[in-house]
Amino acid sequence: MTWSVWRVSPFITSIFFLLGVFTLYQVVYDGLKTFLHTKKIEIDDDLLNSWFGVIYMMVFIISMQATLTGTPISWQFVNFQLIALIFCAYFLNIRVKYYYFIPIVIAYMIFNGSIGYWES
């Protein structure tokens, strides 16, 4: 869309999209943290950040893939989704053990239909 319609590099629009995803996470996380502290619910902020980050990224990637499943260009967005996941996880300082992501990856591959491909 960006190259054919707007004559703008997809790299530029990808950066702005990722920054929007990052900003939305920060706003929702800060609101959730403030709500929990207001209600006097004791939870470690790092634990909340980690688990909310995992759930947020899972919803983000699955919802993006849901709009692309069955189209001939769905494979083109896999790298973008991986970059978005790594970018947000790094800059948001989400610290989760890697084996928590294994069920998410398997669910994504089943949803995407790539579980049977050797490239996956």
C-alpha atoms as a PDB file:
ATOM      1  CA  MET A   1       0.000   0.000   0.000  1.00  0.00           C
ATOM      2  CA  THR A   2       2.632   2.522   0.922  1.00  0.00           C
ATOM      3  CA  TRP A   3       4.843   2.014  -2.102  1.00  0.00           C
ATOM      4  CA  SER A   4       2.075   1.817  -4.671  1.00  0.00           C
ATOM      5  CA  VAL A   5      -0.287   4.472  -3.286  1.00  0.00           C
ATOM      6  CA  TRP A   6       1.661   6.988  -1.240  1.00  0.00           C
ATOM      7  CA  ARG A   7       5.128   6.591  -2.805  1.00  0.00           C
ATOM      8  CA  VAL A   8       6.614   6.304   0.667  1.00  0.00           C
ATOM      9  CA  SER A   9       9.038   3.597   1.683  1.00  0.00           C
ATOM     10  CA  PRO A  10       7.449   0.799   3.750  1.00  0.00           C
ATOM     11  CA  PHE A  11      10.369   1.173   6.163  1.00  0.00           C
ATOM     12  CA  ILE A  12       9.239   4.689   7.112  1.00  0.00           C
ATOM     13  CA  THR A  13       5.625   3.681   7.687  1.00  0.00           C
ATOM     14  CA  SER A  14       6.751   0.605   9.636  1.00  0.00           C
ATOM     15  CA  ILE A  15       8.716   2.803  12.037  1.00  0.00           C
ATOM     16  CA  PHE A  16       5.681   4.991  12.698  1.00  0.00           C
ATOM     17  CA  PHE A  17       3.457   1.940  13.116  1.00  0.00           C
ATOM     18  CA  LEU A  18       5.835   0.384  15.646  1.00  0.00           C
ATOM     19  CA  LEU A  19       6.117   3.659  17.538  1.00  0.00           C
ATOM     20  CA  GLY A  20       2.312   3.756  17.696  1.00  0.00           C
ATOM     21  CA  VAL A  21       2.216   0.197  19.053  1.00  0.00           C
ATOM     22  CA  PHE A  22       4.897   1.133  21.588  1.00  0.00           C
ATOM     23  CA  THR A  23       3.039   4.296  22.666  1.00  0.00           C
ATOM     24  CA  LEU A  24      -0.278   2.470  22.995  1.00  0.00           C
ATOM     25  CA  TYR A  25       1.392  -0.111  25.227  1.00  0.00           C
ATOM     26  CA  GLN A  26       2.905   2.572  27.467  1.00  0.00           C
ATOM     27  CA  VAL A  27      -0.404   4.416  27.848  1.00  0.00           C
ATOM     28  CA  VAL A  28      -2.435   1.289  28.609  1.00  0.00           C
ATOM     29  CA  TYR A  29       0.235  -0.087  30.971  1.00  0.00           C
ATOM     30  CA  ASP A  30       0.476   3.188  32.902  1.00  0.00           C
ATOM     31  CA  GLY A  31      -3.315   3.337  33.167  1.00  0.00           C
ATOM     32  CA  LEU A  32      -3.488  -0.263  34.405  1.00  0.00           C
ATOM     33  CA  LYS A  33      -0.701   0.332  36.913  1.00  0.00           C
ATOM     34  CA  THR A  34      -2.369   3.498  38.212  1.00  0.00           C
ATOM     35  CA  PHE A  35      -5.737   1.713  38.468  1.00  0.00           C
ATOM     36  CA  LEU A  36      -4.241  -1.182  40.447  1.00  0.00           C
ATOM     37  CA  HIS A  37      -2.373   1.155  42.803  1.00  0.00           C
ATOM     38  CA  THR A  38      -5.521   3.247  43.308  1.00  0.00           C
ATOM     39  CA  LYS A  39      -7.509   0.136  44.259  1.00  0.00           C
ATOM     40  CA  LYS A  40      -4.694  -0.821  46.684  1.00  0.00           C
ATOM     41  CA  ILE A  41      -3.938  -4.065  44.831  1.00  0.00           C
ATOM     42  CA  GLU A  42      -0.354  -4.979  45.593  1.00  0.00           C
ATOM     43  CA  ILE A  43       1.506  -6.285  42.552  1.00  0.00           C
ATOM     44  CA  ASP A  44       5.115  -5.915  41.554  1.00  0.00           C
ATOM     45  CA  ASP A  45       5.424  -3.404  38.720  1.00  0.00           C
ATOM     46  CA  ASP A  46       8.030  -5.519  36.905  1.00  0.00           C
ATOM     47  CA  LEU A  47       5.794  -8.598  37.064  1.00  0.00           C
ATOM     48  CA  LEU A  48       2.843  -6.570  35.779  1.00  0.00           C
ATOM     49  CA  ASN A  49       5.006  -5.141  32.982  1.00  0.00           C
ATOM     50  CA  SER A  50       6.199  -8.587  31.932  1.00  0.00           C
ATOM     51  CA  TRP A  51       2.857 -10.345  31.875  1.00  0.00           C
ATOM     52  CA  PHE A  52       0.932  -7.441  30.398  1.00  0.00           C
ATOM     53  CA  GLY A  53       3.651  -7.142  27.739  1.00  0.00           C
ATOM     54  CA  VAL A  54       3.358 -10.816  26.799  1.00  0.00           C
ATOM     55  CA  ILE A  55      -0.430 -10.623  26.570  1.00  0.00           C
ATOM     56  CA  TYR A  56      -0.273  -7.344  24.620  1.00  0.00           C
ATOM     57  CA  MET A  57       2.209  -8.718  22.087  1.00  0.00           C
ATOM     58  CA  MET A  58       0.221 -11.945  21.701  1.00  0.00           C
ATOM     59  CA  VAL A  59      -2.983 -10.017  20.998  1.00  0.00           C
ATOM     60  CA  PHE A  60      -1.130  -7.649  18.652  1.00  0.00           C
ATOM     61  CA  ILE A  61       0.464 -10.378  16.555  1.00  0.00           C
ATOM     62  CA  ILE A  62      -2.553 -12.718  16.451  1.00  0.00           C
ATOM     63  CA  SER A  63      -4.921  -9.859  15.542  1.00  0.00           C
ATOM     64  CA  MET A  64      -2.592  -8.646  12.798  1.00  0.00           C
ATOM     65  CA  GLN A  65      -2.287 -12.149  11.409  1.00  0.00           C
ATOM     66  CA  ALA A  66      -6.071 -12.633  11.587  1.00  0.00           C
ATOM     67  CA  THR A  67      -6.532  -9.876   9.044  1.00  0.00           C
ATOM     68  CA  LEU A  68      -3.954 -11.462   6.720  1.00  0.00           C
ATOM     69  CA  THR A  69      -4.695 -15.184   6.964  1.00  0.00           C
ATOM     70  CA  GLY A  70      -5.695 -16.647   3.628  1.00  0.00           C
ATOM     71  CA  THR A  71      -4.270 -13.805   1.543  1.00  0.00           C
ATOM     72  CA  PRO A  72      -1.327 -14.327  -0.810  1.00  0.00           C
ATOM     73  CA  ILE A  73       0.746 -11.697   1.024  1.00  0.00           C
ATOM     74  CA  SER A  74       0.384 -13.066   4.565  1.00  0.00           C
ATOM     75  CA  TRP A  75       3.936 -14.475   4.578  1.00  0.00           C
ATOM     76  CA  GLN A  76       5.362 -10.997   3.925  1.00  0.00           C
ATOM     77  CA  PHE A  77       4.219  -9.753   7.315  1.00  0.00           C
ATOM     78  CA  VAL A  78       5.876 -12.465   9.415  1.00  0.00           C
ATOM     79  CA  ASN A  79       9.205 -10.625   9.503  1.00  0.00           C
ATOM     80  CA  PHE A  80       7.425  -7.408  10.373  1.00  0.00           C
ATOM     81  CA  GLN A  81       5.632  -9.116  13.241  1.00  0.00           C
ATOM     82  CA  LEU A  82       8.898 -10.561  14.549  1.00  0.00           C
ATOM     83  CA  ILE A  83      10.587  -7.166  14.369  1.00  0.00           C
ATOM     84  CA  ALA A  84       7.631  -5.598  16.193  1.00  0.00           C
ATOM     85  CA  LEU A  85       7.807  -8.256  18.898  1.00  0.00           C
ATOM     86  CA  ILE A  86      11.556  -7.876  19.427  1.00  0.00           C
ATOM     87  CA  PHE A  87      11.443  -4.078  19.233  1.00  0.00           C
ATOM     88  CA  CYS A  88       8.701  -3.767  21.819  1.00  0.00           C
ATOM     89  CA  ALA A  89      10.085  -6.457  24.103  1.00  0.00           C
ATOM     90  CA  TYR A  90      13.515  -4.807  24.127  1.00  0.00           C
ATOM     91  CA  PHE A  91      12.463  -1.190  24.530  1.00  0.00           C
ATOM     92  CA  LEU A  92       9.737  -1.971  27.021  1.00  0.00           C
ATOM     93  CA  ASN A  93      12.202  -3.979  29.103  1.00  0.00           C
ATOM     94  CA  ILE A  94       9.949  -7.024  29.226  1.00  0.00           C
ATOM     95  CA  ARG A  95      11.823  -9.808  31.001  1.00  0.00           C
ATOM     96  CA  VAL A  96      10.178 -13.181  30.613  1.00  0.00           C
ATOM     97  CA  LYS A  97      11.802 -16.564  30.376  1.00  0.00           C
ATOM     98  CA  TYR A  98      11.955 -17.745  26.786  1.00  0.00           C
ATOM     99  CA  TYR A  99      10.074 -20.988  27.396  1.00  0.00           C
ATOM    100  CA  TYR A 100       6.895 -19.017  28.193  1.00  0.00           C
ATOM    101  CA  PHE A 101       6.806 -18.050  24.521  1.00  0.00           C
ATOM    102  CA  ILE A 102       6.826 -21.644  23.223  1.00  0.00           C
ATOM    103  CA  PRO A 103       3.024 -22.157  23.633  1.00  0.00           C
ATOM    104  CA  ILE A 104       2.418 -18.738  22.057  1.00  0.00           C
ATOM    105  CA  VAL A 105       4.628 -19.585  19.073  1.00  0.00           C
ATOM    106  CA  ILE A 106       2.950 -22.963  18.575  1.00  0.00           C
ATOM    107  CA  ALA A 107      -0.531 -21.390  18.798  1.00  0.00           C
ATOM    108  CA  TYR A 108       0.535 -18.729  16.290  1.00  0.00           C
ATOM    109  CA  MET A 109       1.910 -21.327  13.877  1.00  0.00           C
ATOM    110  CA  ILE A 110      -1.309 -23.355  14.085  1.00  0.00           C
ATOM    111  CA  PHE A 111      -3.360 -20.203  13.540  1.00  0.00           C
ATOM    112  CA  ASN A 112      -1.145 -19.101  10.661  1.00  0.00           C
ATOM    113  CA  GLY A 113      -1.156 -22.556   9.090  1.00  0.00           C
ATOM    114  CA  SER A 114       2.630 -22.748   8.981  1.00  0.00           C
ATOM    115  CA  ILE A 115       3.066 -25.569  11.491  1.00  0.00           C
ATOM    116  CA  GLY A 116       3.534 -28.132   8.709  1.00  0.00           C
ATOM    117  CA  TYR A 117       6.098 -26.198   6.681  1.00  0.00           C
ATOM    118  CA  TRP A 118       9.749 -27.086   7.103  1.00  0.00           C
ATOM    119  CA  GLU A 119      10.736 -23.413   6.863  1.00  0.00           C
ATOM    120  CA  SER A 120       8.852 -22.689  10.072  1.00  0.00           C
END
